[in-house]
Protein backbone atom coordinates (compact mmCIF):
# COMPACT_ATOMS: atom_id res chain seq x y z
CA MET A 1 -11.45 42.71 18.93
CA LYS A 2 -11.00 42.78 15.18
CA ILE A 3 -9.06 40.00 13.40
CA PRO A 4 -7.33 41.15 10.24
CA ALA A 5 -8.68 39.64 7.01
CA PHE A 6 -5.27 38.20 6.17
CA LYS A 7 -5.20 36.13 9.39
CA ILE A 8 -8.69 34.79 8.67
CA PHE A 9 -7.59 33.87 5.14
CA ILE A 10 -4.55 31.99 6.50
CA LEU A 11 -6.69 30.12 9.06
CA VAL A 12 -9.25 29.12 6.42
CA LEU A 13 -6.49 28.03 4.03
CA PHE A 14 -4.88 25.94 6.79
CA ALA A 15 -8.21 24.32 7.71
CA PHE A 16 -8.89 23.38 4.07
CA SER A 17 -5.41 21.99 3.62
CA LEU A 18 -5.86 19.68 6.62
CA SER A 19 -9.33 18.51 5.66
CA GLY A 20 -8.29 18.08 2.04
CA TYR A 21 -5.29 15.91 2.88
CA SER A 22 -5.74 12.27 2.09
CA GLN A 23 -3.57 9.40 1.06
CA ASN A 24 -3.00 9.52 -2.67
CA VAL A 25 -3.79 6.23 -4.43
CA LYS A 26 -1.80 5.91 -7.63
CA LEU A 27 -2.42 3.61 -10.57
CA LEU A 28 0.48 1.26 -11.19
CA ASN A 29 1.17 -1.61 -13.57
CA ILE A 30 3.58 -4.52 -13.01
CA ASP A 31 6.36 -2.88 -15.03
CA GLU A 32 6.07 0.27 -12.88
CA LEU A 33 6.02 -1.82 -9.69
CA ASN A 34 9.17 -3.67 -10.79
CA GLU A 35 10.83 -0.36 -11.69
CA ARG A 36 9.87 1.11 -8.29
CA ILE A 37 11.48 -1.86 -6.54
CA LYS A 38 14.54 -1.93 -8.81
CA ASN A 39 15.30 1.75 -8.12
CA GLY A 40 15.50 1.12 -4.38
CA LYS A 41 18.10 -1.64 -4.16
CA ASP A 42 19.14 -0.64 -0.65
CA SER A 43 15.56 -0.90 0.66
CA THR A 44 13.48 -3.80 1.84
CA TYR A 45 10.09 -4.05 0.20
CA VAL A 46 6.96 -5.62 1.60
CA VAL A 47 4.36 -5.62 -1.17
CA ASN A 48 0.90 -6.67 -0.09
CA PHE A 49 -1.82 -7.50 -2.64
CA TRP A 50 -5.29 -6.86 -1.25
CA ALA A 51 -8.79 -5.63 -2.15
CA THR A 52 -11.51 -3.61 -0.45
CA TRP A 53 -13.94 -6.55 -0.71
CA CYS A 54 -11.54 -9.10 0.86
CA ALA A 55 -12.25 -9.58 4.58
CA PRO A 56 -8.90 -11.30 5.43
CA CYS A 57 -7.08 -8.51 3.56
CA ILE A 58 -8.85 -5.81 5.52
CA LYS A 59 -8.18 -7.65 8.77
CA GLU A 60 -4.40 -7.76 8.15
CA LEU A 61 -3.90 -4.24 6.71
CA PRO A 62 -3.28 -2.69 10.16
CA HIS A 63 -0.36 -5.11 10.61
CA PHE A 64 1.32 -3.72 7.47
CA GLU A 65 0.69 -0.18 8.68
CA LYS A 66 2.28 -1.03 12.05
CA LEU A 67 5.29 -2.69 10.38
CA ASN A 68 5.74 0.37 8.15
CA ALA A 69 5.63 2.75 11.13
CA GLU A 70 7.95 0.69 13.35
CA PHE A 71 10.66 0.00 10.76
CA LYS A 72 10.65 3.15 8.63
CA ALA A 73 14.17 4.01 9.82
CA GLU A 74 15.44 0.70 8.38
CA LYS A 75 14.61 1.78 4.81
CA LEU A 76 11.51 -0.40 4.69
CA ALA A 77 8.97 0.37 1.99
CA VAL A 78 5.51 -1.12 2.53
CA LEU A 79 3.56 -1.00 -0.73
CA LEU A 80 -0.12 -1.83 -0.51
CA VAL A 81 -1.34 -2.84 -3.96
CA SER A 82 -5.10 -3.07 -4.38
CA VAL A 83 -6.35 -5.52 -6.99
CA ASP A 84 -9.80 -3.92 -7.09
CA PHE A 85 -11.11 -3.11 -10.56
CA LYS A 86 -9.76 0.20 -11.90
CA SER A 87 -13.38 1.44 -12.10
CA LYS A 88 -13.53 1.20 -8.27
CA LEU A 89 -10.66 3.65 -7.68
CA LYS A 90 -12.83 6.68 -6.82
CA SER A 91 -15.91 4.88 -5.50
CA ALA A 92 -14.27 2.26 -3.26
CA VAL A 93 -10.47 2.34 -2.96
CA ILE A 94 -9.84 6.04 -2.26
CA PRO A 95 -12.72 6.31 0.26
CA PHE A 96 -11.51 3.11 1.98
CA VAL A 97 -7.92 4.39 2.26
CA LYS A 98 -9.18 7.74 3.56
CA ARG A 99 -11.54 6.13 6.09
CA LYS A 100 -8.78 3.84 7.41
CA ASN A 101 -6.27 6.75 7.46
CA MET A 102 -3.66 4.56 5.79
CA LYS A 103 -0.10 5.92 5.86
CA SER A 104 1.73 3.35 3.71
CA GLU A 105 2.01 3.86 -0.04
CA VAL A 106 -1.19 2.62 -1.68
CA PHE A 107 -1.57 1.70 -5.32
CA LEU A 108 -4.31 0.29 -7.51
CA LEU A 109 -3.02 -2.34 -9.91
CA ASN A 110 -3.65 -1.09 -13.44
CA GLU A 111 -3.56 -4.37 -15.36
CA SER A 112 -6.24 -5.86 -17.59
CA SER A 113 -5.27 -9.53 -17.48
CA PRO A 114 -5.16 -11.02 -13.97
CA GLN A 115 -3.53 -14.27 -15.06
CA GLU A 116 -0.76 -12.36 -16.81
CA TYR A 117 0.13 -10.18 -13.81
CA ILE A 118 -0.27 -13.08 -11.37
CA ASP A 119 2.33 -15.11 -13.27
CA ARG A 120 4.68 -12.12 -13.47
CA ILE A 121 4.55 -11.60 -9.70
CA ASP A 122 5.07 -15.26 -8.82
CA LYS A 123 4.64 -18.38 -10.97
CA ASN A 124 3.24 -20.31 -7.99
CA TRP A 125 0.60 -17.72 -7.08
CA SER A 126 -2.91 -19.14 -7.49
CA GLY A 127 -4.28 -15.60 -7.57
CA SER A 128 -5.95 -15.68 -4.18
CA ILE A 129 -5.52 -12.75 -1.81
CA PRO A 130 -4.19 -11.63 0.56
CA ALA A 131 -0.73 -12.31 -0.83
CA THR A 132 2.57 -10.67 0.06
CA LEU A 133 5.91 -10.34 -1.66
CA PHE A 134 9.02 -9.69 0.46
CA ILE A 135 12.06 -8.33 -1.39
CA LYS A 136 15.53 -7.40 -0.20
CA GLY A 137 18.22 -7.15 -2.86
CA ASP A 138 18.06 -10.38 -4.87
CA LYS A 139 16.10 -12.27 -2.22
CA ARG A 140 12.37 -12.69 -2.91
CA THR A 141 9.82 -14.51 -0.79
CA PHE A 142 6.18 -14.80 -1.84
CA ILE A 143 3.51 -15.88 0.62
CA GLU A 144 -0.13 -16.42 -0.27
CA SER A 145 -1.72 -16.18 3.17
CA GLU A 146 -3.19 -13.87 5.78
CA PHE A 147 -0.73 -12.70 8.45
CA THR A 148 -0.93 -11.93 12.12
CA TYR A 149 1.46 -9.15 13.12
CA GLU A 150 3.85 -11.69 14.67
CA GLN A 151 3.93 -13.77 11.45
CA LEU A 152 4.50 -10.65 9.34
CA LEU A 153 7.32 -9.52 11.62
CA THR A 154 8.94 -12.97 11.46
CA GLU A 155 8.89 -12.98 7.65
CA TYR A 156 10.25 -9.44 7.50
CA LYS A 157 13.13 -10.30 9.84
CA LYS A 158 14.06 -13.39 7.78
CA LEU A 159 15.19 -11.15 4.92
């Protein structure tokens, strides 16, 4: 049985497109993050600040993925913002996101002064991670703590 060359080409193209798919990690600064949130007034945002080297962050990431999957129909946007150094984008962050098969939007914070962006996110933030910002309309809640899924769900439902 002979398979036409065109069918082989299509199969190979399909295989490469599946293996080449990975979550895109975009660079983002605080102004861009604020703009992203401002442009979606009718959405609820859960913005988690994490890093690939932070064990509590890694432990709670699946909870954010689960929340994102379960409440997508409610116009929930889960934004996972890595605070790893920009130089770690290709060597650590992208491979981590790929390995964990993360589905939420993932960004790498592109800011040079941690104290400046920390104060712009929340004046009371000490800078420790994990930390999460919950936003719905004009309501903002910032929590500097690791979450269980139940705690995350409770905070989300308070909005």
